[in-house]
Amino acid sequence: MANYALVYFGGSEPASEEEGKAVTDAWMAWFGTLGDAVVDGGNPFGPSATITPGGAVSDRGASGATGYSILRADDLAAATAMAQGCPQLAAGGTIEVYETFEVM
């Protein structure tokens, strides 16, 4: 078993408080289907910056990532299959799945 970072990109913002509740409910339902595989449900990202090797700083993250979650799975294929049910996709966003490993 390994941990996998799901990195979210794009997606639409809820247009109303009611829609926001429905989105939150969808995320909670999805997490519920994953059970103990959810290591960290994550959070959306706020303001960001990019720092270049030369030290220049821009006021935006270069990747456009909008949030993350951490899941535990047997392999990349299993983590990717779990991600396919994520509400991020229904909101028009995309997900990148990365295996993480401890080095410290």
PDB file of N, CA and C in Angstrom:
ATOM      1  N   MET A   1       0.845  -1.183   0.000  1.00  0.00           N
ATOM      2  CA  MET A   1       0.000   0.000   0.000  1.00  0.00           C
ATOM      3  C   MET A   1       0.884   1.237   0.000  1.00  0.00           C
ATOM      4  N   ALA A   2       0.432   2.240  -0.701  1.00  0.00           N
ATOM      5  CA  ALA A   2       1.145   3.517  -0.752  1.00  0.00           C
ATOM      6  C   ALA A   2       0.124   4.636  -0.672  1.00  0.00           C
ATOM      7  N   ASN A   3       0.612   5.841  -0.434  1.00  0.00           N
ATOM      8  CA  ASN A   3      -0.242   7.027  -0.458  1.00  0.00           C
ATOM      9  C   ASN A   3      -0.154   7.673  -1.826  1.00  0.00           C
ATOM     10  N   TYR A   4      -1.281   8.239  -2.254  1.00  0.00           N
ATOM     11  CA  TYR A   4      -1.372   8.895  -3.549  1.00  0.00           C
ATOM     12  C   TYR A   4      -1.993  10.271  -3.362  1.00  0.00           C
ATOM     13  N   ALA A   5      -1.347  11.263  -3.943  1.00  0.00           N
ATOM     14  CA  ALA A   5      -1.877  12.622  -3.917  1.00  0.00           C
ATOM     15  C   ALA A   5      -2.757  12.814  -5.143  1.00  0.00           C
ATOM     16  N   LEU A   6      -3.980  13.221  -4.908  1.00  0.00           N
ATOM     17  CA  LEU A   6      -4.859  13.637  -5.990  1.00  0.00           C
ATOM     18  C   LEU A   6      -4.766  15.155  -6.035  1.00  0.00           C
ATOM     19  N   VAL A   7      -4.325  15.695  -7.145  1.00  0.00           N
ATOM     20  CA  VAL A   7      -4.171  17.135  -7.300  1.00  0.00           C
ATOM     21  C   VAL A   7      -5.241  17.595  -8.279  1.00  0.00           C
ATOM     22  N   TYR A   8      -6.051  18.537  -7.824  1.00  0.00           N
ATOM     23  CA  TYR A   8      -7.207  18.990  -8.588  1.00  0.00           C
ATOM     24  C   TYR A   8      -6.882  20.256  -9.369  1.00  0.00           C
ATOM     25  N   PHE A   9      -7.469  20.356 -10.564  1.00  0.00           N
ATOM     26  CA  PHE A   9      -7.305  21.510 -11.443  1.00  0.00           C
ATOM     27  C   PHE A   9      -8.668  21.917 -11.980  1.00  0.00           C
ATOM     28  N   GLY A  10      -8.901  23.231 -12.041  1.00  0.00           N
ATOM     29  CA  GLY A  10     -10.125  23.744 -12.645  1.00  0.00           C
ATOM     30  C   GLY A  10     -11.365  23.375 -11.868  1.00  0.00           C
ATOM     31  N   GLY A  11     -12.453  23.308 -12.587  1.00  0.00           N
ATOM     32  CA  GLY A  11     -13.745  23.037 -11.971  1.00  0.00           C
ATOM     33  C   GLY A  11     -14.503  24.323 -11.736  1.00  0.00           C
ATOM     34  N   SER A  12     -15.791  24.211 -11.634  1.00  0.00           N
ATOM     35  CA  SER A  12     -16.634  25.397 -11.458  1.00  0.00           C
ATOM     36  C   SER A  12     -16.891  25.657  -9.981  1.00  0.00           C
ATOM     37  N   GLU A  13     -17.121  26.904  -9.667  1.00  0.00           N
ATOM     38  CA  GLU A  13     -17.488  27.318  -8.309  1.00  0.00           C
ATOM     39  C   GLU A  13     -19.006  27.217  -8.158  1.00  0.00           C
ATOM     40  N   PRO A  14     -19.492  26.818  -6.982  1.00  0.00           N
ATOM     41  CA  PRO A  14     -20.944  26.792  -6.769  1.00  0.00           C
ATOM     42  C   PRO A  14     -21.526  28.199  -6.960  1.00  0.00           C
ATOM     43  N   ALA A  15     -22.668  28.279  -7.624  1.00  0.00           N
ATOM     44  CA  ALA A  15     -23.296  29.566  -7.933  1.00  0.00           C
ATOM     45  C   ALA A  15     -24.162  30.086  -6.791  1.00  0.00           C
ATOM     46  N   SER A  16     -24.493  29.225  -5.846  1.00  0.00           N
ATOM     47  CA  SER A  16     -25.354  29.640  -4.742  1.00  0.00           C
ATOM     48  C   SER A  16     -24.992  28.846  -3.488  1.00  0.00           C
ATOM     49  N   GLU A  17     -25.551  29.271  -2.372  1.00  0.00           N
ATOM     50  CA  GLU A  17     -25.323  28.552  -1.118  1.00  0.00           C
ATOM     51  C   GLU A  17     -25.889  27.137  -1.207  1.00  0.00           C
ATOM     52  N   GLU A  18     -27.044  27.002  -1.838  1.00  0.00           N
ATOM     53  CA  GLU A  18     -27.660  25.680  -1.985  1.00  0.00           C
ATOM     54  C   GLU A  18     -26.787  24.769  -2.846  1.00  0.00           C
ATOM     55  N   GLU A  19     -26.265  25.330  -3.932  1.00  0.00           N
ATOM     56  CA  GLU A  19     -25.390  24.546  -4.799  1.00  0.00           C
ATOM     57  C   GLU A  19     -24.106  24.178  -4.047  1.00  0.00           C
ATOM     58  N   GLY A  20     -23.598  25.090  -3.232  1.00  0.00           N
ATOM     59  CA  GLY A  20     -22.425  24.807  -2.420  1.00  0.00           C
ATOM     60  C   GLY A  20     -22.653  23.655  -1.472  1.00  0.00           C
ATOM     61  N   LYS A  21     -23.838  23.607  -0.858  1.00  0.00           N
ATOM     62  CA  LYS A  21     -24.169  22.503   0.041  1.00  0.00           C
ATOM     63  C   LYS A  21     -24.242  21.192  -0.733  1.00  0.00           C
ATOM     64  N   ALA A  22     -24.826  21.233  -1.932  1.00  0.00           N
ATOM     65  CA  ALA A  22     -24.925  20.024  -2.748  1.00  0.00           C
ATOM     66  C   ALA A  22     -23.534  19.518  -3.141  1.00  0.00           C
ATOM     67  N   VAL A  23     -22.633  20.443  -3.450  1.00  0.00           N
ATOM     68  CA  VAL A  23     -21.253  20.068  -3.801  1.00  0.00           C
ATOM     69  C   VAL A  23     -20.568  19.447  -2.585  1.00  0.00           C
ATOM     70  N   THR A  24     -20.707  20.072  -1.430  1.00  0.00           N
ATOM     71  CA  THR A  24     -20.111  19.532  -0.197  1.00  0.00           C
ATOM     72  C   THR A  24     -20.671  18.148   0.100  1.00  0.00           C
ATOM     73  N   ASP A  25     -21.973  17.982  -0.058  1.00  0.00           N
ATOM     74  CA  ASP A  25     -22.602  16.678   0.174  1.00  0.00           C
ATOM     75  C   ASP A  25     -22.047  15.619  -0.783  1.00  0.00           C
ATOM     76  N   ALA A  26     -21.821  16.010  -2.048  1.00  0.00           N
ATOM     77  CA  ALA A  26     -21.271  15.073  -3.035  1.00  0.00           C
ATOM     78  C   ALA A  26     -19.855  14.644  -2.647  1.00  0.00           C
ATOM     79  N   TRP A  27     -19.045  15.613  -2.189  1.00  0.00           N
ATOM     80  CA  TRP A  27     -17.693  15.266  -1.755  1.00  0.00           C
ATOM     81  C   TRP A  27     -17.730  14.341  -0.543  1.00  0.00           C
ATOM     82  N   MET A  28     -18.586  14.627   0.416  1.00  0.00           N
ATOM     83  CA  MET A  28     -18.665  13.788   1.614  1.00  0.00           C
ATOM     84  C   MET A  28     -19.154  12.377   1.257  1.00  0.00           C
ATOM     85  N   ALA A  29     -20.083  12.278   0.334  1.00  0.00           N
ATOM     86  CA  ALA A  29     -20.563  10.968  -0.103  1.00  0.00           C
ATOM     87  C   ALA A  29     -19.438  10.186  -0.789  1.00  0.00           C
ATOM     88  N   TRP A  30     -18.663  10.869  -1.625  1.00  0.00           N
ATOM     89  CA  TRP A  30     -17.540  10.211  -2.304  1.00  0.00           C
ATOM     90  C   TRP A  30     -16.515   9.736  -1.287  1.00  0.00           C
ATOM     91  N   PHE A  31     -16.136  10.602  -0.349  1.00  0.00           N
ATOM     92  CA  PHE A  31     -15.209  10.191   0.698  1.00  0.00           C
ATOM     93  C   PHE A  31     -15.761   8.988   1.456  1.00  0.00           C
ATOM     94  N   GLY A  32     -17.072   8.963   1.691  1.00  0.00           N
ATOM     95  CA  GLY A  32     -17.697   7.849   2.387  1.00  0.00           C
ATOM     96  C   GLY A  32     -17.524   6.534   1.649  1.00  0.00           C
ATOM     97  N   THR A  33     -17.577   6.570   0.320  1.00  0.00           N
ATOM     98  CA  THR A  33     -17.389   5.336  -0.452  1.00  0.00           C
ATOM     99  C   THR A  33     -15.957   4.830  -0.380  1.00  0.00           C
ATOM    100  N   LEU A  34     -15.011   5.736  -0.076  1.00  0.00           N
ATOM    101  CA  LEU A  34     -13.593   5.369  -0.041  1.00  0.00           C
ATOM    102  C   LEU A  34     -13.167   4.814   1.321  1.00  0.00           C
ATOM    103  N   GLY A  35     -13.944   5.117   2.365  1.00  0.00           N
ATOM    104  CA  GLY A  35     -13.662   4.595   3.698  1.00  0.00           C
ATOM    105  C   GLY A  35     -12.261   4.910   4.192  1.00  0.00           C
ATOM    106  N   ASP A  36     -11.560   3.868   4.662  1.00  0.00           N
ATOM    107  CA  ASP A  36     -10.228   4.023   5.248  1.00  0.00           C
ATOM    108  C   ASP A  36      -9.158   4.412   4.232  1.00  0.00           C
ATOM    109  N   ALA A  37      -9.481   4.398   2.952  1.00  0.00           N
ATOM    110  CA  ALA A  37      -8.495   4.806   1.938  1.00  0.00           C
ATOM    111  C   ALA A  37      -8.206   6.302   2.012  1.00  0.00           C
ATOM    112  N   VAL A  38      -9.098   7.070   2.646  1.00  0.00           N
ATOM    113  CA  VAL A  38      -8.888   8.517   2.764  1.00  0.00           C
ATOM    114  C   VAL A  38      -7.901   8.773   3.899  1.00  0.00           C
ATOM    115  N   VAL A  39      -6.699   9.205   3.529  1.00  0.00           N
ATOM    116  CA  VAL A  39      -5.663   9.557   4.508  1.00  0.00           C
ATOM    117  C   VAL A  39      -5.863  11.001   4.943  1.00  0.00           C
ATOM    118  N   ASP A  40      -6.131  11.870   3.977  1.00  0.00           N
ATOM    119  CA  ASP A  40      -6.355  13.295   4.214  1.00  0.00           C
ATOM    120  C   ASP A  40      -7.322  13.771   3.136  1.00  0.00           C
ATOM    121  N   GLY A  41      -8.511  14.174   3.541  1.00  0.00           N
ATOM    122  CA  GLY A  41      -9.498  14.648   2.575  1.00  0.00           C
ATOM    123  C   GLY A  41      -9.021  15.869   1.815  1.00  0.00           C
ATOM    124  N   GLY A  42      -8.057  16.580   2.372  1.00  0.00           N
ATOM    125  CA  GLY A  42      -7.467  17.717   1.681  1.00  0.00           C
ATOM    126  C   GLY A  42      -8.280  18.985   1.830  1.00  0.00           C
ATOM    127  N   ASN A  43      -7.966  19.926   0.993  1.00  0.00           N
ATOM    128  CA  ASN A  43      -8.599  21.239   0.988  1.00  0.00           C
ATOM    129  C   ASN A  43      -8.390  21.893  -0.358  1.00  0.00           C
ATOM    130  N   PRO A  44      -9.205  22.904  -0.649  1.00  0.00           N
ATOM    131  CA  PRO A  44      -8.930  23.700  -1.846  1.00  0.00           C
ATOM    132  C   PRO A  44      -7.725  24.598  -1.591  1.00  0.00           C
ATOM    133  N   PHE A  45      -7.089  25.048  -2.658  1.00  0.00           N
ATOM    134  CA  PHE A  45      -5.979  25.982  -2.555  1.00  0.00           C
ATOM    135  C   PHE A  45      -6.492  27.400  -2.719  1.00  0.00           C
ATOM    136  N   GLY A  46      -5.864  28.335  -2.029  1.00  0.00           N
ATOM    137  CA  GLY A  46      -6.160  29.755  -2.153  1.00  0.00           C
ATOM    138  C   GLY A  46      -5.108  30.437  -3.001  1.00  0.00           C
ATOM    139  N   PRO A  47      -4.809  31.686  -2.688  1.00  0.00           N
ATOM    140  CA  PRO A  47      -3.797  32.418  -3.449  1.00  0.00           C
ATOM    141  C   PRO A  47      -2.475  31.645  -3.483  1.00  0.00           C
ATOM    142  N   SER A  48      -1.732  31.810  -4.575  1.00  0.00           N
ATOM    143  CA  SER A  48      -0.492  31.063  -4.746  1.00  0.00           C
ATOM    144  C   SER A  48       0.582  31.939  -5.377  1.00  0.00           C
ATOM    145  N   ALA A  49       1.780  31.425  -5.391  1.00  0.00           N
ATOM    146  CA  ALA A  49       2.911  32.108  -6.001  1.00  0.00           C
ATOM    147  C   ALA A  49       3.819  31.066  -6.632  1.00  0.00           C
ATOM    148  N   THR A  50       4.597  31.482  -7.619  1.00  0.00           N
ATOM    149  CA  THR A  50       5.612  30.633  -8.234  1.00  0.00           C
ATOM    150  C   THR A  50       6.956  31.305  -8.027  1.00  0.00           C
ATOM    151  N   ILE A  51       7.945  30.509  -7.611  1.00  0.00           N
ATOM    152  CA  ILE A  51       9.306  31.007  -7.416  1.00  0.00           C
ATOM    153  C   ILE A  51      10.201  30.289  -8.419  1.00  0.00           C
ATOM    154  N   THR A  52      10.950  31.029  -9.204  1.00  0.00           N
ATOM    155  CA  THR A  52      11.854  30.441 -10.194  1.00  0.00           C
ATOM    156  C   THR A  52      13.205  30.140  -9.549  1.00  0.00           C
ATOM    157  N   PRO A  53      14.037  29.315 -10.204  1.00  0.00           N
ATOM    158  CA  PRO A  53      15.361  29.030  -9.650  1.00  0.00           C
ATOM    159  C   PRO A  53      16.194  30.296  -9.396  1.00  0.00           C
ATOM    160  N   GLY A  54      15.966  31.341 -10.174  1.00  0.00           N
ATOM    161  CA  GLY A  54      16.693  32.585  -9.980  1.00  0.00           C
ATOM    162  C   GLY A  54      16.137  33.448  -8.864  1.00  0.00           C
ATOM    163  N   GLY A  55      15.022  33.013  -8.253  1.00  0.00           N
ATOM    164  CA  GLY A  55      14.443  33.742  -7.137  1.00  0.00           C
ATOM    165  C   GLY A  55      13.311  34.682  -7.498  1.00  0.00           C
ATOM    166  N   ALA A  56      12.986  34.806  -8.779  1.00  0.00           N
ATOM    167  CA  ALA A  56      11.862  35.658  -9.172  1.00  0.00           C
ATOM    168  C   ALA A  56      10.559  35.041  -8.688  1.00  0.00           C
ATOM    169  N   VAL A  57       9.638  35.888  -8.245  1.00  0.00           N
ATOM    170  CA  VAL A  57       8.363  35.432  -7.714  1.00  0.00           C
ATOM    171  C   VAL A  57       7.237  36.031  -8.548  1.00  0.00           C
ATOM    172  N   SER A  58       6.293  35.177  -8.951  1.00  0.00           N
ATOM    173  CA  SER A  58       5.087  35.670  -9.622  1.00  0.00           C
ATOM    174  C   SER A  58       3.893  35.406  -8.717  1.00  0.00           C
ATOM    175  N   ASP A  59       2.835  36.159  -8.917  1.00  0.00           N
ATOM    176  CA  ASP A  59       1.674  36.095  -8.040  1.00  0.00           C
ATOM    177  C   ASP A  59       0.692  34.988  -8.379  1.00  0.00           C
ATOM    178  N   ARG A  60       1.113  33.956  -9.008  1.00  0.00           N
ATOM    179  CA  ARG A  60       0.229  32.850  -9.350  1.00  0.00           C
ATOM    180  C   ARG A  60       1.000  31.555  -9.406  1.00  0.00           C
ATOM    181  N   GLY A  61       0.373  30.493  -8.978  1.00  0.00           N
ATOM    182  CA  GLY A  61       0.986  29.176  -9.140  1.00  0.00           C
ATOM    183  C   GLY A  61       0.992  28.804 -10.611  1.00  0.00           C
ATOM    184  N   ALA A  62       2.107  28.325 -11.106  1.00  0.00           N
ATOM    185  CA  ALA A  62       2.238  28.017 -12.526  1.00  0.00           C
ATOM    186  C   ALA A  62       1.327  26.880 -12.972  1.00  0.00           C
ATOM    187  N   SER A  63       1.061  25.921 -12.092  1.00  0.00           N
ATOM    188  CA  SER A  63       0.293  24.747 -12.502  1.00  0.00           C
ATOM    189  C   SER A  63      -1.208  24.986 -12.542  1.00  0.00           C
ATOM    190  N   GLY A  64      -1.694  25.929 -11.776  1.00  0.00           N
ATOM    191  CA  GLY A  64      -3.134  26.153 -11.713  1.00  0.00           C
ATOM    192  C   GLY A  64      -3.862  25.155 -10.835  1.00  0.00           C
ATOM    193  N   ALA A  65      -3.138  24.460  -9.955  1.00  0.00           N
ATOM    194  CA  ALA A  65      -3.774  23.491  -9.064  1.00  0.00           C
ATOM    195  C   ALA A  65      -4.775  24.201  -8.152  1.00  0.00           C
ATOM    196  N   THR A  66      -5.913  23.544  -7.912  1.00  0.00           N
ATOM    197  CA  THR A  66      -6.976  24.146  -7.104  1.00  0.00           C
ATOM    198  C   THR A  66      -7.228  23.433  -5.789  1.00  0.00           C
ATOM    199  N   GLY A  67      -6.577  22.280  -5.543  1.00  0.00           N
ATOM    200  CA  GLY A  67      -6.760  21.571  -4.288  1.00  0.00           C
ATOM    201  C   GLY A  67      -6.128  20.197  -4.332  1.00  0.00           C
ATOM    202  N   TYR A  68      -6.317  19.441  -3.241  1.00  0.00           N
ATOM    203  CA  TYR A  68      -5.695  18.117  -3.145  1.00  0.00           C
ATOM    204  C   TYR A  68      -6.469  17.215  -2.184  1.00  0.00           C
ATOM    205  N   SER A  69      -6.221  15.927  -2.286  1.00  0.00           N
ATOM    206  CA  SER A  69      -6.608  14.913  -1.311  1.00  0.00           C
ATOM    207  C   SER A  69      -5.507  13.867  -1.306  1.00  0.00           C
ATOM    208  N   ILE A  70      -5.389  13.112  -0.222  1.00  0.00           N
ATOM    209  CA  ILE A  70      -4.428  12.014  -0.133  1.00  0.00           C
ATOM    210  C   ILE A  70      -5.196  10.724   0.136  1.00  0.00           C
ATOM    211  N   LEU A  71      -4.969   9.730  -0.721  1.00  0.00           N
ATOM    212  CA  LEU A  71      -5.610   8.424  -0.578  1.00  0.00           C
ATOM    213  C   LEU A  71      -4.567   7.338  -0.423  1.00  0.00           C
ATOM    214  N   ARG A  72      -4.943   6.240   0.204  1.00  0.00           N
ATOM    215  CA  ARG A  72      -4.091   5.054   0.297  1.00  0.00           C
ATOM    216  C   ARG A  72      -4.671   4.014  -0.649  1.00  0.00           C
ATOM    217  N   ALA A  73      -3.789   3.417  -1.450  1.00  0.00           N
ATOM    218  CA  ALA A  73      -4.237   2.410  -2.420  1.00  0.00           C
ATOM    219  C   ALA A  73      -3.132   1.397  -2.666  1.00  0.00           C
ATOM    220  N   ASP A  74      -3.503   0.258  -3.255  1.00  0.00           N
ATOM    221  CA  ASP A  74      -2.536  -0.796  -3.558  1.00  0.00           C
ATOM    222  C   ASP A  74      -1.535  -0.374  -4.629  1.00  0.00           C
ATOM    223  N   ASP A  75      -2.000   0.404  -5.615  1.00  0.00           N
ATOM    224  CA  ASP A  75      -1.113   0.826  -6.697  1.00  0.00           C
ATOM    225  C   ASP A  75      -1.744   2.020  -7.417  1.00  0.00           C
ATOM    226  N   LEU A  76      -1.022   2.551  -8.383  1.00  0.00           N
ATOM    227  CA  LEU A  76      -1.486   3.730  -9.114  1.00  0.00           C
ATOM    228  C   LEU A  76      -2.815   3.471  -9.820  1.00  0.00           C
ATOM    229  N   ALA A  77      -2.970   2.288 -10.375  1.00  0.00           N
ATOM    230  CA  ALA A  77      -4.218   1.962 -11.066  1.00  0.00           C
ATOM    231  C   ALA A  77      -5.399   2.000 -10.103  1.00  0.00           C
ATOM    232  N   ALA A  78      -5.224   1.481  -8.893  1.00  0.00           N
ATOM    233  CA  ALA A  78      -6.308   1.492  -7.903  1.00  0.00           C
ATOM    234  C   ALA A  78      -6.624   2.911  -7.459  1.00  0.00           C
ATOM    235  N   ALA A  79      -5.596   3.727  -7.244  1.00  0.00           N
ATOM    236  CA  ALA A  79      -5.820   5.122  -6.848  1.00  0.00           C
ATOM    237  C   ALA A  79      -6.531   5.885  -7.959  1.00  0.00           C
ATOM    238  N   THR A  80      -6.154   5.627  -9.188  1.00  0.00           N
ATOM    239  CA  THR A  80      -6.793   6.282 -10.330  1.00  0.00           C
ATOM    240  C   THR A  80      -8.256   5.860 -10.439  1.00  0.00           C
ATOM    241  N   ALA A  81      -8.535   4.595 -10.201  1.00  0.00           N
ATOM    242  CA  ALA A  81      -9.927   4.119 -10.234  1.00  0.00           C
ATOM    243  C   ALA A  81     -10.751   4.806  -9.152  1.00  0.00           C
ATOM    244  N   MET A  82     -10.174   4.985  -7.952  1.00  0.00           N
ATOM    245  CA  MET A  82     -10.894   5.689  -6.883  1.00  0.00           C
ATOM    246  C   MET A  82     -11.171   7.134  -7.287  1.00  0.00           C
ATOM    247  N   ALA A  83     -10.216   7.764  -7.933  1.00  0.00           N
ATOM    248  CA  ALA A  83     -10.351   9.169  -8.326  1.00  0.00           C
ATOM    249  C   ALA A  83     -11.449   9.374  -9.363  1.00  0.00           C
ATOM    250  N   GLN A  84     -11.765   8.354 -10.122  1.00  0.00           N
ATOM    251  CA  GLN A  84     -12.768   8.486 -11.173  1.00  0.00           C
ATOM    252  C   GLN A  84     -14.162   8.794 -10.642  1.00  0.00           C
ATOM    253  N   GLY A  85     -14.403   8.566  -9.361  1.00  0.00           N
ATOM    254  CA  GLY A  85     -15.697   8.892  -8.774  1.00  0.00           C
ATOM    255  C   GLY A  85     -15.734  10.260  -8.112  1.00  0.00           C
ATOM    256  N   CYS A  86     -14.651  11.009  -8.209  1.00  0.00           N
ATOM    257  CA  CYS A  86     -14.527  12.286  -7.509  1.00  0.00           C
ATOM    258  C   CYS A  86     -15.436  13.368  -8.103  1.00  0.00           C
ATOM    259  N   PRO A  87     -16.114  14.141  -7.242  1.00  0.00           N
ATOM    260  CA  PRO A  87     -16.978  15.225  -7.717  1.00  0.00           C
ATOM    261  C   PRO A  87     -16.237  16.310  -8.507  1.00  0.00           C
ATOM    262  N   GLN A  88     -14.922  16.366  -8.391  1.00  0.00           N
ATOM    263  CA  GLN A  88     -14.140  17.337  -9.171  1.00  0.00           C
ATOM    264  C   GLN A  88     -14.409  17.168 -10.657  1.00  0.00           C
ATOM    265  N   LEU A  89     -14.567  15.943 -11.085  1.00  0.00           N
ATOM    266  CA  LEU A  89     -14.804  15.669 -12.504  1.00  0.00           C
ATOM    267  C   LEU A  89     -16.175  16.159 -12.948  1.00  0.00           C
ATOM    268  N   ALA A  90     -17.177  15.997 -12.079  1.00  0.00           N
ATOM    269  CA  ALA A  90     -18.527  16.469 -12.400  1.00  0.00           C
ATOM    270  C   ALA A  90     -18.585  17.992 -12.496  1.00  0.00           C
ATOM    271  N   ALA A  91     -17.637  18.666 -11.825  1.00  0.00           N
ATOM    272  CA  ALA A  91     -17.587  20.133 -11.857  1.00  0.00           C
ATOM    273  C   ALA A  91     -16.777  20.644 -13.047  1.00  0.00           C
ATOM    274  N   GLY A  92     -16.358  19.739 -13.926  1.00  0.00           N
ATOM    275  CA  GLY A  92     -15.610  20.146 -15.116  1.00  0.00           C
ATOM    276  C   GLY A  92     -14.116  20.250 -14.897  1.00  0.00           C
ATOM    277  N   GLY A  93     -13.632  19.816 -13.736  1.00  0.00           N
ATOM    278  CA  GLY A  93     -12.204  19.878 -13.445  1.00  0.00           C
ATOM    279  C   GLY A  93     -11.506  18.589 -13.815  1.00  0.00           C
ATOM    280  N   THR A  94     -10.206  18.569 -13.604  1.00  0.00           N
ATOM    281  CA  THR A  94      -9.397  17.384 -13.864  1.00  0.00           C
ATOM    282  C   THR A  94      -8.645  17.009 -12.589  1.00  0.00           C
ATOM    283  N   ILE A  95      -8.090  15.797 -12.598  1.00  0.00           N
ATOM    284  CA  ILE A  95      -7.344  15.283 -11.460  1.00  0.00           C
ATOM    285  C   ILE A  95      -6.064  14.637 -11.975  1.00  0.00           C
ATOM    286  N   GLU A  96      -4.952  14.955 -11.330  1.00  0.00           N
ATOM    287  CA  GLU A  96      -3.708  14.227 -11.557  1.00  0.00           C
ATOM    288  C   GLU A  96      -3.447  13.396 -10.312  1.00  0.00           C
ATOM    289  N   VAL A  97      -2.993  12.154 -10.501  1.00  0.00           N
ATOM    290  CA  VAL A  97      -2.752  11.230  -9.388  1.00  0.00           C
ATOM    291  C   VAL A  97      -1.253  10.936  -9.339  1.00  0.00           C
ATOM    292  N   TYR A  98      -0.665  11.154  -8.151  1.00  0.00           N
ATOM    293  CA  TYR A  98       0.768  10.950  -7.957  1.00  0.00           C
ATOM    294  C   TYR A  98       1.013  10.034  -6.770  1.00  0.00           C
ATOM    295  N   GLU A  99       1.868   9.038  -6.933  1.00  0.00           N
ATOM    296  CA  GLU A  99       2.304   8.248  -5.786  1.00  0.00           C
ATOM    297  C   GLU A  99       3.256   9.111  -4.953  1.00  0.00           C
ATOM    298  N   THR A 100       3.100   9.053  -3.645  1.00  0.00           N
ATOM    299  CA  THR A 100       4.021   9.739  -2.744  1.00  0.00           C
ATOM    300  C   THR A 100       4.823   8.679  -2.001  1.00  0.00           C
ATOM    301  N   PHE A 101       6.010   9.026  -1.562  1.00  0.00           N
ATOM    302  CA  PHE A 101       6.780   8.104  -0.753  1.00  0.00           C
ATOM    303  C   PHE A 101       7.629   8.884   0.232  1.00  0.00           C
ATOM    304  N   GLU A 102       7.777   8.280   1.403  1.00  0.00           N
ATOM    305  CA  GLU A 102       8.504   8.939   2.486  1.00  0.00           C
ATOM    306  C   GLU A 102       9.997   8.825   2.244  1.00  0.00           C
ATOM    307  N   VAL A 103      10.682   9.944   2.403  1.00  0.00           N
ATOM    308  CA  VAL A 103      12.141   9.939   2.301  1.00  0.00           C
ATOM    309  C   VAL A 103      12.781  10.485   3.566  1.00  0.00           C
ATOM    310  N   MET A 104      11.983  11.021   4.476  1.00  0.00           N
ATOM    311  CA  MET A 104      12.513  11.549   5.727  1.00  0.00           C
ATOM    312  C   MET A 104      11.772  10.940   6.894  1.00  0.00           C
TER     313      MET A 104
END
